[in-house]
C-alpha atoms as a PDB file:
ATOM      1  CA  MET A   1       0.000   0.000   0.000  1.00  0.00           C
ATOM      2  CA  GLU A   2       2.932   2.343   0.598  1.00  0.00           C
ATOM      3  CA  ARG A   3       3.702   2.164  -3.143  1.00  0.00           C
ATOM      4  CA  VAL A   4       0.335   3.732  -4.021  1.00  0.00           C
ATOM      5  CA  ARG A   5      -0.088   7.467  -4.355  1.00  0.00           C
ATOM      6  CA  ILE A   6      -3.381   9.337  -4.713  1.00  0.00           C
ATOM      7  CA  VAL A   7      -3.224  12.167  -7.254  1.00  0.00           C
ATOM      8  CA  LEU A   8      -5.869  14.906  -7.367  1.00  0.00           C
ATOM      9  CA  VAL A   9      -5.831  17.060 -10.502  1.00  0.00           C
ATOM     10  CA  GLU A  10      -6.707  20.713  -9.908  1.00  0.00           C
ATOM     11  CA  PRO A  11      -8.883  20.255  -6.804  1.00  0.00           C
ATOM     12  CA  GLN A  12     -11.018  23.314  -6.085  1.00  0.00           C
ATOM     13  CA  GLU A  13     -12.634  22.646  -2.708  1.00  0.00           C
ATOM     14  CA  PRO A  14     -10.499  22.433   0.469  1.00  0.00           C
ATOM     15  CA  MET A  15     -13.123  20.351   2.276  1.00  0.00           C
ATOM     16  CA  ASN A  16     -12.969  17.767  -0.511  1.00  0.00           C
ATOM     17  CA  VAL A  17      -9.210  17.532  -0.049  1.00  0.00           C
ATOM     18  CA  GLY A  18      -9.641  17.057   3.684  1.00  0.00           C
ATOM     19  CA  ALA A  19     -12.236  14.339   3.126  1.00  0.00           C
ATOM     20  CA  VAL A  20      -9.872  12.615   0.676  1.00  0.00           C
ATOM     21  CA  ALA A  21      -7.101  12.643   3.292  1.00  0.00           C
ATOM     22  CA  ARG A  22      -9.456  11.071   5.832  1.00  0.00           C
ATOM     23  CA  ALA A  23     -10.528   8.373   3.348  1.00  0.00           C
ATOM     24  CA  MET A  24      -6.892   7.594   2.594  1.00  0.00           C
ATOM     25  CA  ARG A  25      -6.082   7.175   6.283  1.00  0.00           C
ATOM     26  CA  ASN A  26      -9.155   4.948   6.714  1.00  0.00           C
ATOM     27  CA  PHE A  27      -7.809   2.509   4.138  1.00  0.00           C
ATOM     28  CA  GLY A  28      -4.070   2.479   4.669  1.00  0.00           C
ATOM     29  CA  LEU A  29      -2.956   5.100   2.136  1.00  0.00           C
ATOM     30  CA  SER A  30      -0.720   8.020   3.030  1.00  0.00           C
ATOM     31  CA  ARG A  31       0.783   9.587  -0.112  1.00  0.00           C
ATOM     32  CA  LEU A  32      -1.233  12.484  -1.514  1.00  0.00           C
ATOM     33  CA  TYR A  33      -0.265  14.596  -4.546  1.00  0.00           C
ATOM     34  CA  LEU A  34      -2.198  17.674  -5.684  1.00  0.00           C
ATOM     35  CA  VAL A  35      -1.732  18.976  -9.220  1.00  0.00           C
ATOM     36  CA  ASN A  36      -2.133  22.745  -9.535  1.00  0.00           C
ATOM     37  CA  PRO A  37      -4.585  23.045  -6.623  1.00  0.00           C
ATOM     38  CA  SER A  38      -6.818  26.081  -6.324  1.00  0.00           C
ATOM     39  CA  PRO A  39      -5.416  28.892  -4.128  1.00  0.00           C
ATOM     40  CA  ARG A  40      -8.411  28.209  -1.869  1.00  0.00           C
ATOM     41  CA  VAL A  41      -6.966  24.750  -1.202  1.00  0.00           C
ATOM     42  CA  GLY A  42      -3.338  25.749  -0.654  1.00  0.00           C
ATOM     43  CA  PRO A  43      -0.519  25.228   0.039  1.00  0.00           C
ATOM     44  CA  PRO A  44      -0.411  25.982   2.854  1.00  0.00           C
ATOM     45  CA  TRP A  45      -3.489  23.828   3.168  1.00  0.00           C
ATOM     46  CA  ALA A  46      -6.661  25.620   4.142  1.00  0.00           C
ATOM     47  CA  ARG A  47      -8.070  25.157   7.609  1.00  0.00           C
ATOM     48  CA  GLU A  48     -11.287  23.831   6.035  1.00  0.00           C
ATOM     49  CA  ALA A  49      -9.249  20.896   4.715  1.00  0.00           C
ATOM     50  CA  TYR A  50      -8.041  20.116   8.230  1.00  0.00           C
ATOM     51  CA  TRP A  51     -11.617  20.293   9.548  1.00  0.00           C
ATOM     52  CA  LEU A  52     -12.532  17.322   7.342  1.00  0.00           C
ATOM     53  CA  ALA A  53      -9.232  15.440   7.735  1.00  0.00           C
ATOM     54  CA  VAL A  54     -10.287  13.861  11.012  1.00  0.00           C
ATOM     55  CA  HIS A  55      -7.282  11.932  12.430  1.00  0.00           C
ATOM     56  CA  ALA A  56      -5.622  12.304   9.002  1.00  0.00           C
ATOM     57  CA  GLU A  57      -3.835  15.607   9.498  1.00  0.00           C
ATOM     58  CA  GLU A  58      -0.513  13.863   8.849  1.00  0.00           C
ATOM     59  CA  VAL A  59      -1.647  12.968   5.324  1.00  0.00           C
ATOM     60  CA  LEU A  60      -2.226  16.666   4.632  1.00  0.00           C
ATOM     61  CA  ASP A  61       1.024  17.680   6.299  1.00  0.00           C
ATOM     62  CA  ARG A  62       2.945  15.394   3.949  1.00  0.00           C
ATOM     63  CA  ALA A  63       0.897  16.167   0.818  1.00  0.00           C
ATOM     64  CA  VAL A  64       2.884  17.326  -2.212  1.00  0.00           C
ATOM     65  CA  ALA A  65       1.728  20.137  -4.512  1.00  0.00           C
ATOM     66  CA  VAL A  66       3.064  20.067  -8.099  1.00  0.00           C
ATOM     67  CA  GLY A  67       2.437  22.109 -11.224  1.00  0.00           C
ATOM     68  CA  SER A  68       1.576  19.342 -13.671  1.00  0.00           C
ATOM     69  CA  LEU A  69       0.318  15.787 -13.843  1.00  0.00           C
ATOM     70  CA  GLY A  70       3.641  14.760 -15.350  1.00  0.00           C
ATOM     71  CA  GLU A  71       5.417  15.917 -12.184  1.00  0.00           C
ATOM     72  CA  ALA A  72       2.972  13.978 -10.002  1.00  0.00           C
ATOM     73  CA  LEU A  73       3.697  10.821 -12.009  1.00  0.00           C
ATOM     74  CA  GLN A  74       7.494  10.996 -11.854  1.00  0.00           C
ATOM     75  CA  GLY A  75       8.858   7.576 -10.921  1.00  0.00           C
ATOM     76  CA  VAL A  76       5.466   5.904 -11.392  1.00  0.00           C
ATOM     77  CA  SER A  77       5.289   2.571 -13.233  1.00  0.00           C
ATOM     78  CA  PHE A  78       1.512   2.077 -13.377  1.00  0.00           C
ATOM     79  CA  VAL A  79      -1.206   4.723 -13.681  1.00  0.00           C
ATOM     80  CA  VAL A  80      -4.902   4.171 -13.006  1.00  0.00           C
ATOM     81  CA  ALA A  81      -6.994   7.127 -14.188  1.00  0.00           C
ATOM     82  CA  THR A  82     -10.542   7.348 -12.908  1.00  0.00           C
ATOM     83  CA  THR A  83     -13.501   8.675 -14.858  1.00  0.00           C
ATOM     84  CA  GLY A  84     -17.259   8.607 -14.863  1.00  0.00           C
ATOM     85  CA  ARG A  85     -17.689  10.144 -18.303  1.00  0.00           C
ATOM     86  CA  PRO A  86     -18.268   8.015 -21.408  1.00  0.00           C
ATOM     87  CA  ARG A  87     -15.701   8.633 -24.157  1.00  0.00           C
ATOM     88  CA  GLU A  88     -15.606   7.677 -27.813  1.00  0.00           C
ATOM     89  CA  LEU A  89     -12.382   5.762 -27.252  1.00  0.00           C
ATOM     90  CA  TYR A  90     -10.409   5.134 -24.090  1.00  0.00           C
ATOM     91  CA  PRO A  91      -6.613   4.907 -24.451  1.00  0.00           C
ATOM     92  CA  ALA A  92      -6.356   2.004 -21.983  1.00  0.00           C
ATOM     93  CA  PRO A  93      -8.438  -0.977 -20.856  1.00  0.00           C
ATOM     94  CA  VAL A  94     -11.509  -0.032 -18.794  1.00  0.00           C
ATOM     95  CA  VAL A  95     -12.398  -1.882 -15.578  1.00  0.00           C
ATOM     96  CA  THR A  96     -14.597  -1.248 -12.549  1.00  0.00           C
ATOM     97  CA  ALA A  97     -13.259  -0.068  -9.207  1.00  0.00           C
ATOM     98  CA  ARG A  98     -13.607  -3.622  -7.887  1.00  0.00           C
ATOM     99  CA  GLU A  99     -11.334  -4.940 -10.625  1.00  0.00           C
ATOM    100  CA  VAL A 100      -8.614  -2.319 -10.171  1.00  0.00           C
ATOM    101  CA  PRO A 101      -6.881  -3.901  -7.118  1.00  0.00           C
ATOM    102  CA  ALA A 102      -6.034  -7.112  -8.980  1.00  0.00           C
ATOM    103  CA  HIS A 103      -3.952  -5.025 -11.355  1.00  0.00           C
ATOM    104  CA  VAL A 104      -2.467  -2.685  -8.750  1.00  0.00           C
ATOM    105  CA  LEU A 105      -1.419  -5.362  -6.256  1.00  0.00           C
ATOM    106  CA  SER A 106       0.370  -7.388  -8.920  1.00  0.00           C
ATOM    107  CA  ILE A 107       2.584  -4.480  -9.970  1.00  0.00           C
ATOM    108  CA  ARG A 108       6.144  -4.096  -8.734  1.00  0.00           C
ATOM    109  CA  GLY A 109       6.871  -0.398  -8.592  1.00  0.00           C
ATOM    110  CA  GLU A 110       5.110   2.875  -7.916  1.00  0.00           C
ATOM    111  CA  VAL A 111       1.381   3.123  -8.649  1.00  0.00           C
ATOM    112  CA  ALA A 112      -0.767   6.251  -9.003  1.00  0.00           C
ATOM    113  CA  LEU A 113      -4.551   6.499  -8.738  1.00  0.00           C
ATOM    114  CA  VAL A 114      -5.485   9.720 -10.534  1.00  0.00           C
ATOM    115  CA  PHE A 115      -8.706  11.616  -9.895  1.00  0.00           C
ATOM    116  CA  GLY A 116      -9.933  14.576 -11.934  1.00  0.00           C
ATOM    117  CA  ARG A 117     -11.522  17.897 -11.245  1.00  0.00           C
ATOM    118  CA  GLU A 118     -14.756  18.224  -9.298  1.00  0.00           C
ATOM    119  CA  THR A 119     -16.375  19.892 -12.329  1.00  0.00           C
ATOM    120  CA  PHE A 120     -15.418  17.790 -15.344  1.00  0.00           C
ATOM    121  CA  GLY A 121     -12.901  15.145 -14.319  1.00  0.00           C
ATOM    122  CA  LEU A 122      -9.849  14.335 -16.429  1.00  0.00           C
ATOM    123  CA  THR A 123      -9.186  15.512 -19.970  1.00  0.00           C
ATOM    124  CA  ASN A 124      -8.525  13.125 -22.847  1.00  0.00           C
ATOM    125  CA  GLU A 125      -4.852  14.120 -22.782  1.00  0.00           C
ATOM    126  CA  GLU A 126      -4.617  13.247 -19.081  1.00  0.00           C
ATOM    127  CA  LEU A 127      -6.338   9.912 -19.660  1.00  0.00           C
ATOM    128  CA  ASP A 128      -3.714   9.190 -22.329  1.00  0.00           C
ATOM    129  CA  LEU A 129      -1.151   8.743 -19.543  1.00  0.00           C
ATOM    130  CA  ALA A 130      -3.074   5.874 -17.967  1.00  0.00           C
ATOM    131  CA  HIS A 131      -2.315   2.163 -18.212  1.00  0.00           C
ATOM    132  CA  LEU A 132      -5.799   1.396 -16.893  1.00  0.00           C
ATOM    133  CA  ILE A 133      -9.090   3.303 -16.667  1.00  0.00           C
ATOM    134  CA  GLY A 134     -11.150   2.781 -13.514  1.00  0.00           C
ATOM    135  CA  THR A 135     -14.882   3.478 -13.313  1.00  0.00           C
ATOM    136  CA  ILE A 136     -17.541   3.218 -10.620  1.00  0.00           C
ATOM    137  CA  PRO A 137     -20.837   1.728 -11.820  1.00  0.00           C
ATOM    138  CA  THR A 138     -23.671   4.023 -10.743  1.00  0.00           C
ATOM    139  CA  ALA A 139     -27.372   4.458 -11.335  1.00  0.00           C
ATOM    140  CA  PRO A 140     -27.897   6.187 -14.712  1.00  0.00           C
ATOM    141  CA  GLU A 141     -30.197   8.829 -13.259  1.00  0.00           C
ATOM    142  CA  GLN A 142     -27.341  10.074 -10.999  1.00  0.00           C
ATOM    143  CA  PRO A 143     -23.992   8.904 -12.392  1.00  0.00           C
ATOM    144  CA  SER A 144     -21.592  11.464 -10.872  1.00  0.00           C
ATOM    145  CA  LEU A 145     -19.909  11.149  -7.479  1.00  0.00           C
ATOM    146  CA  ASN A 146     -18.260  13.713  -5.262  1.00  0.00           C
ATOM    147  CA  LEU A 147     -14.439  13.645  -5.481  1.00  0.00           C
ATOM    148  CA  ALA A 148     -13.979  12.320  -1.955  1.00  0.00           C
ATOM    149  CA  GLN A 149     -16.683   9.696  -2.497  1.00  0.00           C
ATOM    150  CA  ALA A 150     -14.847   8.392  -5.553  1.00  0.00           C
ATOM    151  CA  VAL A 151     -11.581   8.156  -3.613  1.00  0.00           C
ATOM    152  CA  VAL A 152     -13.370   6.270  -0.814  1.00  0.00           C
ATOM    153  CA  VAL A 153     -14.679   3.634  -3.242  1.00  0.00           C
ATOM    154  CA  PHE A 154     -11.314   2.959  -4.887  1.00  0.00           C
ATOM    155  CA  ALA A 155      -9.410   3.060  -1.574  1.00  0.00           C
ATOM    156  CA  TYR A 156     -11.894   0.667   0.041  1.00  0.00           C
ATOM    157  CA  GLU A 157     -11.689  -1.841  -2.805  1.00  0.00           C
ATOM    158  CA  LEU A 158      -7.901  -1.698  -2.801  1.00  0.00           C
ATOM    159  CA  TYR A 159      -7.656  -2.166   0.967  1.00  0.00           C
ATOM    160  CA  GLN A 160     -10.087  -5.078   1.022  1.00  0.00           C
ATOM    161  CA  ALA A 161      -8.186  -6.831  -1.757  1.00  0.00           C
ATOM    162  CA  TRP A 162      -4.911  -6.235   0.056  1.00  0.00           C
ATOM    163  CA  LEU A 163      -6.310  -7.757   3.253  1.00  0.00           C
ATOM    164  CA  GLN A 164      -7.634 -10.818   1.428  1.00  0.00           C
ATOM    165  CA  GLN A 165      -4.570 -11.464  -0.708  1.00  0.00           C
ATOM    166  CA  GLY A 166      -1.900 -10.682   1.835  1.00  0.00           C
ATOM    167  CA  SER A 167       1.310 -10.969  -0.169  1.00  0.00           C
ATOM    168  CA  THR A 168       1.058 -11.252  -3.934  1.00  0.00           C
ATOM    169  CA  VAL A 169       3.450 -12.394  -6.593  1.00  0.00           C
ATOM    170  CA  SER A 170       4.771  -9.308  -8.328  1.00  0.00           C
ATOM    171  CA  GLN A 171       5.196  -9.033 -12.029  1.00  0.00           C
ATOM    172  CA  GLY A 172       8.456  -7.969 -13.592  1.00  0.00           C
ATOM    173  CA  GLU A 173       9.432  -4.329 -13.458  1.00  0.00           C
ATOM    174  CA  LEU A 174       7.310  -2.052 -15.639  1.00  0.00           C
ATOM    175  CA  ALA A 175       8.558   0.876 -17.654  1.00  0.00           C
ATOM    176  CA  ASP A 176       7.800   4.173 -15.934  1.00  0.00           C
ATOM    177  CA  VAL A 177       5.570   6.882 -17.353  1.00  0.00           C
ATOM    178  CA  ALA A 178       8.455   8.987 -18.697  1.00  0.00           C
ATOM    179  CA  ALA A 179       9.903   6.057 -20.674  1.00  0.00           C
ATOM    180  CA  LEU A 180       6.497   5.148 -22.092  1.00  0.00           C
ATOM    181  CA  GLU A 181       5.743   8.714 -23.112  1.00  0.00           C
ATOM    182  CA  GLY A 182       9.099   8.874 -24.884  1.00  0.00           C
ATOM    183  CA  PHE A 183       8.161   5.742 -26.827  1.00  0.00           C
ATOM    184  CA  PHE A 184       4.687   7.067 -27.661  1.00  0.00           C
ATOM    185  CA  ALA A 185       6.211  10.333 -28.893  1.00  0.00           C
ATOM    186  CA  ASP A 186       8.522   8.359 -31.210  1.00  0.00           C
ATOM    187  CA  LEU A 187       5.656   6.159 -32.335  1.00  0.00           C
ATOM    188  CA  GLY A 188       3.415   9.167 -32.947  1.00  0.00           C
ATOM    189  CA  ARG A 189       5.968  10.745 -35.265  1.00  0.00           C
ATOM    190  CA  TYR A 190       6.637   7.424 -36.998  1.00  0.00           C
ATOM    191  CA  VAL A 191       3.006   6.662 -37.883  1.00  0.00           C
ATOM    192  CA  LEU A 192       2.764  10.085 -39.513  1.00  0.00           C
ATOM    193  CA  GLU A 193       6.022   9.645 -41.420  1.00  0.00           C
ATOM    194  CA  ILE A 194       5.003   6.307 -42.930  1.00  0.00           C
ATOM    195  CA  GLY A 195       1.496   7.484 -43.786  1.00  0.00           C
ATOM    196  CA  PHE A 196      -0.224   5.084 -41.407  1.00  0.00           C
ATOM    197  CA  THR A 197      -2.472   7.984 -40.386  1.00  0.00           C
ATOM    198  CA  ASP A 198      -2.802  11.704 -41.018  1.00  0.00           C
ATOM    199  CA  GLU A 199      -2.872  14.753 -38.763  1.00  0.00           C
ATOM    200  CA  HIS A 200      -6.664  14.704 -38.519  1.00  0.00           C
ATOM    201  CA  ARG A 201      -6.921  11.035 -37.463  1.00  0.00           C
ATOM    202  CA  HIS A 202      -3.677  11.000 -35.506  1.00  0.00           C
ATOM    203  CA  PRO A 203      -5.140  11.434 -31.969  1.00  0.00           C
ATOM    204  CA  TYR A 204      -7.642   8.610 -32.546  1.00  0.00           C
ATOM    205  CA  ALA A 205      -4.973   6.298 -33.979  1.00  0.00           C
ATOM    206  CA  MET A 206      -2.619   6.984 -31.092  1.00  0.00           C
ATOM    207  CA  ARG A 207      -5.294   6.241 -28.483  1.00  0.00           C
ATOM    208  CA  ARG A 208      -5.881   2.869 -30.135  1.00  0.00           C
ATOM    209  CA  LEU A 209      -2.149   2.173 -30.194  1.00  0.00           C
ATOM    210  CA  ARG A 210      -1.752   3.277 -26.572  1.00  0.00           C
ATOM    211  CA  ARG A 211      -4.498   0.857 -25.588  1.00  0.00           C
ATOM    212  CA  ILE A 212      -2.685  -2.030 -27.311  1.00  0.00           C
ATOM    213  CA  PHE A 213       0.685  -1.301 -25.715  1.00  0.00           C
ATOM    214  CA  HIS A 214      -0.794  -0.628 -22.267  1.00  0.00           C
ATOM    215  CA  LYS A 215      -2.318  -4.107 -22.355  1.00  0.00           C
ATOM    216  CA  ALA A 216       1.192  -5.492 -22.893  1.00  0.00           C
ATOM    217  CA  GLN A 217       2.493  -3.826 -19.686  1.00  0.00           C
ATOM    218  CA  LEU A 218       5.919  -3.179 -21.180  1.00  0.00           C
ATOM    219  CA  SER A 219       9.145  -3.518 -19.212  1.00  0.00           C
ATOM    220  CA  PRO A 220      11.943  -0.921 -19.453  1.00  0.00           C
ATOM    221  CA  GLY A 221      13.915  -3.235 -21.739  1.00  0.00           C
ATOM    222  CA  GLU A 222      10.923  -3.788 -24.016  1.00  0.00           C
ATOM    223  CA  VAL A 223      10.380  -0.053 -24.365  1.00  0.00           C
ATOM    224  CA  GLN A 224      14.043   0.396 -25.300  1.00  0.00           C
ATOM    225  CA  LEU A 225      13.739  -2.431 -27.822  1.00  0.00           C
ATOM    226  CA  LEU A 226      10.682  -0.870 -29.459  1.00  0.00           C
ATOM    227  CA  ARG A 227      12.299   2.560 -29.626  1.00  0.00           C
ATOM    228  CA  GLY A 228      15.363   0.940 -31.176  1.00  0.00           C
ATOM    229  CA  LEU A 229      13.125  -0.770 -33.731  1.00  0.00           C
ATOM    230  CA  LEU A 230      11.563   2.561 -34.704  1.00  0.00           C
ATOM    231  CA  HIS A 231      14.968   4.203 -34.941  1.00  0.00           C
ATOM    232  CA  GLN A 232      16.404   1.417 -37.099  1.00  0.00           C
ATOM    233  CA  SER A 233      13.335   1.433 -39.332  1.00  0.00           C
ATOM    234  CA  ARG A 234      13.747   5.166 -39.945  1.00  0.00           C
ATOM    235  CA  TYR A 235      17.433   4.646 -40.723  1.00  0.00           C
ATOM    236  CA  ALA A 236      16.690   1.774 -43.136  1.00  0.00           C
ATOM    237  CA  VAL A 237      14.050   3.781 -44.984  1.00  0.00           C
ATOM    238  CA  ALA A 238      16.331   6.815 -45.252  1.00  0.00           C
ATOM    239  CA  SER A 239      19.189   4.628 -46.548  1.00  0.00           C
ATOM    240  CA  ALA A 240      16.915   2.996 -49.135  1.00  0.00           C
ATOM    241  CA  LEU A 241      15.670   6.384 -50.344  1.00  0.00           C
ATOM    242  CA  LYS A 242      19.241   7.636 -50.572  1.00  0.00           C
ATOM    243  CA  LYS A 243      20.243   4.641 -52.691  1.00  0.00           C
ATOM    244  CA  GLU A 244      17.239   5.112 -54.960  1.00  0.00           C
ATOM    245  CA  GLY A 245      18.180   8.741 -55.408  1.00  0.00           C
ATOM    246  CA  THR A 246      21.765   7.804 -56.303  1.00  0.00           C
ATOM    247  CA  LYS A 247      20.571   5.243 -58.853  1.00  0.00           C
ATOM    248  CA  GLY A 248      18.300   7.828 -60.419  1.00  0.00           C
ATOM    249  CA  LYS A 249      21.182  10.259 -60.867  1.00  0.00           C
ATOM    250  CA  ASP A 250      23.427   7.529 -62.333  1.00  0.00           C
ATOM    251  CA  GLY A 251      20.702   6.530 -64.762  1.00  0.00           C
END
């Protein structure tokens, strides 16, 4: 459980942050990151946050404020992004909150559970960073949950699974977010260069490709191998074009 961090993106309400800290303490979590929090929230954290952080003041005291989601995910190997909004295409496999712990507890390395804004959640670009998308099934007539309520559900499911499983067999080391994003940047340029997609369809194509590679749960070595493959492919194509150009001049 100490490998799991809770990340709140642009929280606006200090009492929500306090309630999140309390929920974390209830279920054995202690590492809280806040991405670009509202000035009303802090830092320094507002007294309203401490009012709701009953017996969890230490979680707030140790909370880390950062300027971007990328900073909050530094050193993280596995990202679970949470959402309650239907999308045309998710960039990673979608599971319920009850299914999330099976993935999290089998990972060796840092894990982040990312929660979006109180108003509209996470953007598509933020969801792109996720290896897994977590949702909470709700009644269709009232599908949205309060931020702290959502954290409670995921934290509860994770803690219950941890209690039941005890120790789990870890998978091999996973590539961290920075390494994966480097690979996806290379891949994004490559699919444009070879005409696999165009600028208009590029975001859709990349979300489909992200989904495929996230399912594979790539190791650091596998990411290096794939980036090497892309590099060598570019080199081979450039060499072939150069030879063709030389032949044309000779002819």
